[in-house]
Each structure stands twice: as structure tokens, then as C-alpha cells.
């Protein structure tokens, strides 16, 4: 068990996350670059393994690195995309945050009305403004 702890760990965690644990397959290969853990899951479970914005996969890789450091080995995780899986349409990330935070411009008629109201107001002198402040 001591040599394959990384493989057993990733298998246990992923099987706990997914809806089809019987489809989880974990392979371990050792080469000059270190240890490569290859993960295969059911196509419906890819979202659970990857996580929102890849955070679950990143966490799994971090934990594997910790296990590897403890055993003086470099451990990497490769997640294979299953056959028949479909990816959702990806939104342009540069547009999404701007649209959410950017205030919406008022419609053109409202702008025109505001502008005409401002133009109709007579300009005040400095003394009149100071008198308004004092009141």
C-alpha cells in the first residue's frame, strides 16, 4: 500500500464524488518525469471531477502533490475526456464580468429630456449659489 497511496487516494476521493463510481478507472505510470496518475470517469461525471472553473481538479492535483512530496516523488494528474462527452457552449470570459458590473446606460429619450431640462435652467451667479448654501 505504501507505494500506491497516491493512486488509492485519488480513486477513493473520485469514487466518493461521482454518480457512477463503477466507471472510475485510475492508472499509475512511473517514468523519468515522476508519477503520472491517469483518471477515466463516466461522461456524466466529468463536471463533478473538474468542478466549477476547474477548482475540484486543481484541489485534487494539489493534494496529490502533497502526497508526492511526502514520498519524494513528483505526482501529476491527467484527466481523460470520455468518448461521447459534450462540452457546453463557452461564454466569452472577457464579456461576462463587464456586463455584470457595467451600469446600463439610460435610454436615448431620457437622456434628451435631461439635457433639455438642464439647458432651460438659468445660470446662477456665485452670490446666488452662496445664498442657497446659507439657507
C-alpha atoms as a PDB file:
ATOM      1  CA  UNK A   1       0.000   0.000   0.000  1.00  0.00           C
ATOM      2  CA  UNK A   2       2.833   2.431   0.716  1.00  0.00           C
ATOM      3  CA  UNK A   3       3.912   2.723  -2.923  1.00  0.00           C
ATOM      4  CA  UNK A   4       0.444   3.200  -4.433  1.00  0.00           C
ATOM      5  CA  UNK A   5      -1.021   5.550  -1.827  1.00  0.00           C
ATOM      6  CA  UNK A   6      -1.436   8.299  -4.397  1.00  0.00           C
ATOM      7  CA  UNK A   7      -3.409   6.009  -6.730  1.00  0.00           C
ATOM      8  CA  UNK A   8      -5.580   4.644  -3.924  1.00  0.00           C
ATOM      9  CA  UNK A   9      -6.189   8.136  -2.577  1.00  0.00           C
ATOM     10  CA  UNK A  10      -7.349   9.611  -5.893  1.00  0.00           C
ATOM     11  CA  UNK A  11      -9.507   6.567  -6.598  1.00  0.00           C
ATOM     12  CA  UNK A  12     -11.205   6.823  -3.200  1.00  0.00           C
ATOM     13  CA  UNK A  13     -11.849  10.581  -3.475  1.00  0.00           C
ATOM     14  CA  UNK A  14     -13.144  10.488  -7.054  1.00  0.00           C
ATOM     15  CA  UNK A  15     -15.419   7.497  -6.391  1.00  0.00           C
ATOM     16  CA  UNK A  16     -16.855   9.449  -3.457  1.00  0.00           C
ATOM     17  CA  UNK A  17     -17.600  12.441  -5.715  1.00  0.00           C
ATOM     18  CA  UNK A  18     -19.191  10.835  -8.771  1.00  0.00           C
ATOM     19  CA  UNK A  19     -22.573   9.260  -9.521  1.00  0.00           C
ATOM     20  CA  UNK A  20     -21.033   6.313 -11.416  1.00  0.00           C
ATOM     21  CA  UNK A  21     -18.192   5.028  -9.182  1.00  0.00           C
ATOM     22  CA  UNK A  22     -18.061   1.750 -11.109  1.00  0.00           C
ATOM     23  CA  UNK A  23     -16.801   3.687 -14.165  1.00  0.00           C
ATOM     24  CA  UNK A  24     -13.824   5.240 -12.361  1.00  0.00           C
ATOM     25  CA  UNK A  25     -10.500   3.874 -13.585  1.00  0.00           C
ATOM     26  CA  UNK A  26      -7.158   5.033 -12.242  1.00  0.00           C
ATOM     27  CA  UNK A  27      -3.819   4.087 -13.807  1.00  0.00           C
ATOM     28  CA  UNK A  28      -0.387   4.826 -12.376  1.00  0.00           C
ATOM     29  CA  UNK A  29       2.754   5.101 -14.514  1.00  0.00           C
ATOM     30  CA  UNK A  30       6.274   5.921 -13.424  1.00  0.00           C
ATOM     31  CA  UNK A  31       8.798   7.483 -15.778  1.00  0.00           C
ATOM     32  CA  UNK A  32      11.758   9.880 -15.647  1.00  0.00           C
ATOM     33  CA  UNK A  33       9.382  12.830 -15.065  1.00  0.00           C
ATOM     34  CA  UNK A  34       7.814  11.244 -11.982  1.00  0.00           C
ATOM     35  CA  UNK A  35       4.475   9.566 -11.362  1.00  0.00           C
ATOM     36  CA  UNK A  36       1.552  10.094 -13.736  1.00  0.00           C
ATOM     37  CA  UNK A  37      -1.917   9.267 -12.458  1.00  0.00           C
ATOM     38  CA  UNK A  38      -4.414   8.915 -15.328  1.00  0.00           C
ATOM     39  CA  UNK A  39      -8.089   9.191 -14.456  1.00  0.00           C
ATOM     40  CA  UNK A  40     -11.032   7.957 -16.531  1.00  0.00           C
ATOM     41  CA  UNK A  41     -14.625   8.659 -15.448  1.00  0.00           C
ATOM     42  CA  UNK A  42     -18.129   8.320 -16.872  1.00  0.00           C
ATOM     43  CA  UNK A  43     -19.053  11.135 -19.266  1.00  0.00           C
ATOM     44  CA  UNK A  44     -21.829  12.389 -16.967  1.00  0.00           C
ATOM     45  CA  UNK A  45     -19.367  12.688 -14.066  1.00  0.00           C
ATOM     46  CA  UNK A  46     -16.815  14.942 -15.771  1.00  0.00           C
ATOM     47  CA  UNK A  47     -18.404  18.069 -14.334  1.00  0.00           C
ATOM     48  CA  UNK A  48     -18.101  16.759 -10.791  1.00  0.00           C
ATOM     49  CA  UNK A  49     -14.448  15.830 -11.243  1.00  0.00           C
ATOM     50  CA  UNK A  50     -13.466  19.085 -12.948  1.00  0.00           C
ATOM     51  CA  UNK A  51     -15.626  21.351 -10.779  1.00  0.00           C
ATOM     52  CA  UNK A  52     -16.615  24.943 -11.345  1.00  0.00           C
ATOM     53  CA  UNK A  53     -13.805  26.717 -13.176  1.00  0.00           C
ATOM     54  CA  UNK A  54     -11.629  23.626 -12.613  1.00  0.00           C
ATOM     55  CA  UNK A  55     -11.388  24.108  -8.864  1.00  0.00           C
ATOM     56  CA  UNK A  56     -12.024  20.449  -7.937  1.00  0.00           C
ATOM     57  CA  UNK A  57      -9.387  19.192 -10.375  1.00  0.00           C
ATOM     58  CA  UNK A  58      -6.951  21.810  -9.077  1.00  0.00           C
ATOM     59  CA  UNK A  59      -7.579  20.692  -5.488  1.00  0.00           C
ATOM     60  CA  UNK A  60      -7.031  17.038  -6.423  1.00  0.00           C
ATOM     61  CA  UNK A  61      -3.728  17.939  -8.110  1.00  0.00           C
ATOM     62  CA  UNK A  62      -2.625  19.931  -5.072  1.00  0.00           C
ATOM     63  CA  UNK A  63      -3.371  17.038  -2.719  1.00  0.00           C
ATOM     64  CA  UNK A  64      -1.519  14.625  -5.000  1.00  0.00           C
ATOM     65  CA  UNK A  65       1.496  16.946  -4.960  1.00  0.00           C
ATOM     66  CA  UNK A  66       1.450  16.886  -1.156  1.00  0.00           C
ATOM     67  CA  UNK A  67       1.336  13.088  -1.122  1.00  0.00           C
ATOM     68  CA  UNK A  68       4.147  13.003  -3.674  1.00  0.00           C
ATOM     69  CA  UNK A  69       6.291  15.420  -1.667  1.00  0.00           C
ATOM     70  CA  UNK A  70       5.884  13.209   1.367  1.00  0.00           C
ATOM     71  CA  UNK A  71       7.213  10.263  -0.659  1.00  0.00           C
ATOM     72  CA  UNK A  72       9.903  12.274  -2.522  1.00  0.00           C
ATOM     73  CA  UNK A  73       8.120  11.908  -5.869  1.00  0.00           C
ATOM     74  CA  UNK A  74       6.584  14.263  -8.375  1.00  0.00           C
ATOM     75  CA  UNK A  75       2.951  13.281  -8.960  1.00  0.00           C
ATOM     76  CA  UNK A  76       0.812  14.622 -11.813  1.00  0.00           C
ATOM     77  CA  UNK A  77      -2.866  14.024 -12.579  1.00  0.00           C
ATOM     78  CA  UNK A  78      -4.227  13.660 -16.089  1.00  0.00           C
ATOM     79  CA  UNK A  79      -8.000  13.533 -16.527  1.00  0.00           C
ATOM     80  CA  UNK A  80      -9.032  11.882 -19.790  1.00  0.00           C
ATOM     81  CA  UNK A  81     -12.112  13.207 -21.519  1.00  0.00           C
ATOM     82  CA  UNK A  82     -14.518  10.294 -22.072  1.00  0.00           C
ATOM     83  CA  UNK A  83     -15.816   9.410 -25.521  1.00  0.00           C
ATOM     84  CA  UNK A  84     -19.185  10.881 -26.326  1.00  0.00           C
ATOM     85  CA  UNK A  85     -18.908  13.717 -23.852  1.00  0.00           C
ATOM     86  CA  UNK A  86     -20.152  17.088 -24.964  1.00  0.00           C
ATOM     87  CA  UNK A  87     -18.945  20.432 -23.762  1.00  0.00           C
ATOM     88  CA  UNK A  88     -21.334  23.253 -23.078  1.00  0.00           C
ATOM     89  CA  UNK A  89     -21.036  26.410 -25.095  1.00  0.00           C
ATOM     90  CA  UNK A  90     -18.308  28.505 -23.545  1.00  0.00           C
ATOM     91  CA  UNK A  91     -19.078  32.152 -22.938  1.00  0.00           C
ATOM     92  CA  UNK A  92     -16.508  34.811 -23.657  1.00  0.00           C
ATOM     93  CA  UNK A  93     -14.976  35.433 -20.193  1.00  0.00           C
ATOM     94  CA  UNK A  94     -13.954  38.981 -21.091  1.00  0.00           C
ATOM     95  CA  UNK A  95     -17.575  39.996 -21.685  1.00  0.00           C
ATOM     96  CA  UNK A  96     -19.271  38.344 -18.714  1.00  0.00           C
ATOM     97  CA  UNK A  97     -17.783  40.373 -15.825  1.00  0.00           C
ATOM     98  CA  UNK A  98     -18.061  43.686 -17.681  1.00  0.00           C
ATOM     99  CA  UNK A  99     -21.727  43.168 -18.459  1.00  0.00           C
ATOM    100  CA  UNK A 100     -22.489  42.335 -14.840  1.00  0.00           C
ATOM    101  CA  UNK A 101     -20.697  45.329 -13.310  1.00  0.00           C
ATOM    102  CA  UNK A 102     -21.177  47.980 -16.001  1.00  0.00           C
ATOM    103  CA  UNK A 103     -24.126  50.253 -15.282  1.00  0.00           C
ATOM    104  CA  UNK A 104     -26.709  50.295 -18.006  1.00  0.00           C
ATOM    105  CA  UNK A 105     -26.964  53.489 -19.994  1.00  0.00           C
ATOM    106  CA  UNK A 106     -30.342  55.202 -19.868  1.00  0.00           C
ATOM    107  CA  UNK A 107     -32.439  55.076 -22.977  1.00  0.00           C
ATOM    108  CA  UNK A 108     -31.948  57.868 -25.506  1.00  0.00           C
ATOM    109  CA  UNK A 109     -35.224  59.771 -24.860  1.00  0.00           C
ATOM    110  CA  UNK A 110     -34.435  60.072 -21.140  1.00  0.00           C
ATOM    111  CA  UNK A 111     -31.018  61.497 -21.937  1.00  0.00           C
ATOM    112  CA  UNK A 112     -32.521  64.011 -24.328  1.00  0.00           C
ATOM    113  CA  UNK A 113     -35.090  65.117 -21.732  1.00  0.00           C
ATOM    114  CA  UNK A 114     -32.437  65.523 -19.037  1.00  0.00           C
ATOM    115  CA  UNK A 115     -30.255  67.580 -21.328  1.00  0.00           C
ATOM    116  CA  UNK A 116     -33.097  69.900 -22.332  1.00  0.00           C
ATOM    117  CA  UNK A 117     -34.096  70.421 -18.678  1.00  0.00           C
ATOM    118  CA  UNK A 118     -30.558  71.408 -17.767  1.00  0.00           C
ATOM    119  CA  UNK A 119     -30.363  73.836 -20.639  1.00  0.00           C
ATOM    120  CA  UNK A 120     -33.612  75.570 -19.591  1.00  0.00           C
ATOM    121  CA  UNK A 121     -32.375  76.353 -16.071  1.00  0.00           C
ATOM    122  CA  UNK A 122     -30.960  79.872 -15.830  1.00  0.00           C
ATOM    123  CA  UNK A 123     -27.366  80.102 -14.723  1.00  0.00           C
ATOM    124  CA  UNK A 124     -26.852  81.376 -11.196  1.00  0.00           C
ATOM    125  CA  UNK A 125     -24.230  83.792 -10.101  1.00  0.00           C
ATOM    126  CA  UNK A 126     -21.758  82.953  -7.381  1.00  0.00           C
ATOM    127  CA  UNK A 127     -23.649  85.121  -4.889  1.00  0.00           C
ATOM    128  CA  UNK A 128     -26.911  83.271  -5.574  1.00  0.00           C
ATOM    129  CA  UNK A 129     -25.271  79.910  -5.070  1.00  0.00           C
ATOM    130  CA  UNK A 130     -23.693  81.078  -1.792  1.00  0.00           C
ATOM    131  CA  UNK A 131     -27.064  82.378  -0.613  1.00  0.00           C
ATOM    132  CA  UNK A 132     -28.659  78.996  -1.400  1.00  0.00           C
ATOM    133  CA  UNK A 133     -25.997  77.257   0.681  1.00  0.00           C
ATOM    134  CA  UNK A 134     -26.502  79.558   3.687  1.00  0.00           C
ATOM    135  CA  UNK A 135     -30.240  78.934   3.898  1.00  0.00           C
END
